[in-house]
Protein backbone atom coordinates (compact mmCIF):
# COMPACT_ATOMS: atom_id res chain seq x y z
CA MET A 1 -52.25 -176.95 -48.91
CA GLN A 2 -54.68 -175.22 -51.00
CA LEU A 3 -55.03 -173.95 -55.01
CA THR A 4 -55.68 -170.06 -53.89
CA THR A 5 -52.61 -170.59 -51.01
CA LYS A 6 -50.42 -171.90 -53.66
CA ILE A 7 -51.01 -168.72 -55.97
CA ARG A 8 -50.75 -166.40 -53.14
CA ASP A 9 -47.70 -167.62 -52.22
CA VAL A 10 -45.76 -167.56 -55.58
CA ARG A 11 -47.13 -163.63 -56.02
CA VAL A 12 -45.80 -162.94 -52.74
CA ASN A 13 -42.36 -164.47 -53.53
CA LEU A 14 -42.66 -162.35 -57.01
CA ALA A 15 -43.39 -159.72 -55.21
CA ASN A 16 -40.87 -159.64 -53.01
CA ARG A 17 -37.93 -160.82 -55.45
CA ARG A 18 -39.09 -157.98 -57.38
CA THR A 19 -38.80 -155.75 -54.99
CA GLU A 20 -35.14 -157.17 -54.35
CA ARG A 21 -33.86 -156.50 -57.80
CA VAL A 22 -35.04 -152.50 -57.49
CA ALA A 23 -33.51 -151.87 -55.01
CA HIS A 24 -29.99 -153.92 -56.03
CA ARG A 25 -30.37 -151.54 -59.48
CA ARG A 26 -30.67 -149.07 -56.65
CA LEU A 27 -27.47 -149.67 -55.18
CA SER A 28 -25.52 -150.44 -58.48
CA ALA A 29 -26.40 -146.86 -59.62
CA GLU A 30 -25.05 -145.61 -56.39
CA LEU A 31 -22.00 -147.20 -56.51
CA ALA A 32 -21.30 -146.64 -59.95
CA ALA A 33 -20.78 -142.80 -58.72
CA PHE A 34 -17.58 -143.48 -56.81
CA GLN A 35 -15.16 -143.58 -59.92
CA THR A 36 -12.23 -141.65 -59.38
CA PRO A 37 -9.78 -143.34 -56.84
CA ALA A 38 -9.99 -140.47 -53.85
CA GLU A 39 -13.72 -141.59 -53.61
CA ARG A 40 -13.30 -145.42 -53.66
CA ALA A 41 -10.71 -145.18 -51.36
CA GLU A 42 -12.95 -143.22 -49.36
CA LEU A 43 -15.19 -145.65 -49.32
CA ASP A 44 -13.25 -148.77 -48.91
CA PHE A 45 -12.33 -146.86 -45.84
CA ILE A 46 -15.58 -146.31 -44.44
CA LEU A 47 -16.07 -150.61 -46.13
CA GLY A 48 -13.32 -151.24 -44.15
CA ARG A 49 -15.29 -149.94 -40.68
CA HIS A 50 -17.73 -152.64 -40.75
CA THR A 51 -17.38 -156.75 -40.97
CA HIS A 52 -17.62 -157.97 -44.79
CA GLU A 53 -20.94 -159.38 -44.17
CA GLU A 54 -22.63 -157.10 -43.32
CA THR A 55 -20.73 -155.09 -46.80
CA ARG A 56 -20.75 -158.42 -48.46
CA GLN A 57 -22.72 -157.23 -51.06
CA ILE A 58 -22.17 -153.74 -51.63
CA ARG A 59 -18.32 -155.55 -52.30
CA GLU A 60 -20.01 -158.23 -54.52
CA ILE A 61 -21.72 -154.86 -56.37
CA LEU A 62 -17.81 -153.15 -56.41
CA ASN A 63 -15.91 -156.28 -57.83
CA ALA A 64 -18.20 -157.13 -60.49
CA GLN A 65 -18.44 -152.98 -61.65
CA ASP A 66 -14.98 -153.02 -61.33
CA TYR A 67 -14.26 -156.29 -63.27
CA GLU A 68 -17.21 -154.58 -65.58
CA ARG A 69 -14.98 -151.65 -65.80
CA GLN A 70 -11.81 -153.47 -66.75
CA ARG A 71 -12.85 -155.82 -69.55
CA THR A 72 -14.22 -151.98 -71.18
CA GLY A 73 -10.68 -150.86 -70.93
CA ASN A 74 -12.61 -147.54 -68.50
CA GLY A 75 -10.63 -148.45 -64.92
CA ILE A 76 -11.80 -146.60 -62.28
CA GLY A 77 -9.78 -142.77 -63.01
CA SER A 78 -9.43 -143.04 -66.43
CA TYR A 79 -10.05 -140.61 -69.20
CA ARG A 80 -12.97 -140.66 -70.78
CA GLY A 81 -13.12 -137.22 -72.12
């Protein structure tokens, strides 16, 4: 394989990874808006309509956000006033 082809492949790979990271951050931000117990229950109900594989990424993000909220003492529905 020529060097120019390898360089092009690396650039494409890096651009794809950058796009995936941006999309992941955007999805994480959107999911973080579901903070009250009612909002979260509604989201869990919606996710329950789909297979685990279809919702894997969303569930991983939500689990990470739940962990971080518990770690910092800002659980879902906790008072922030």
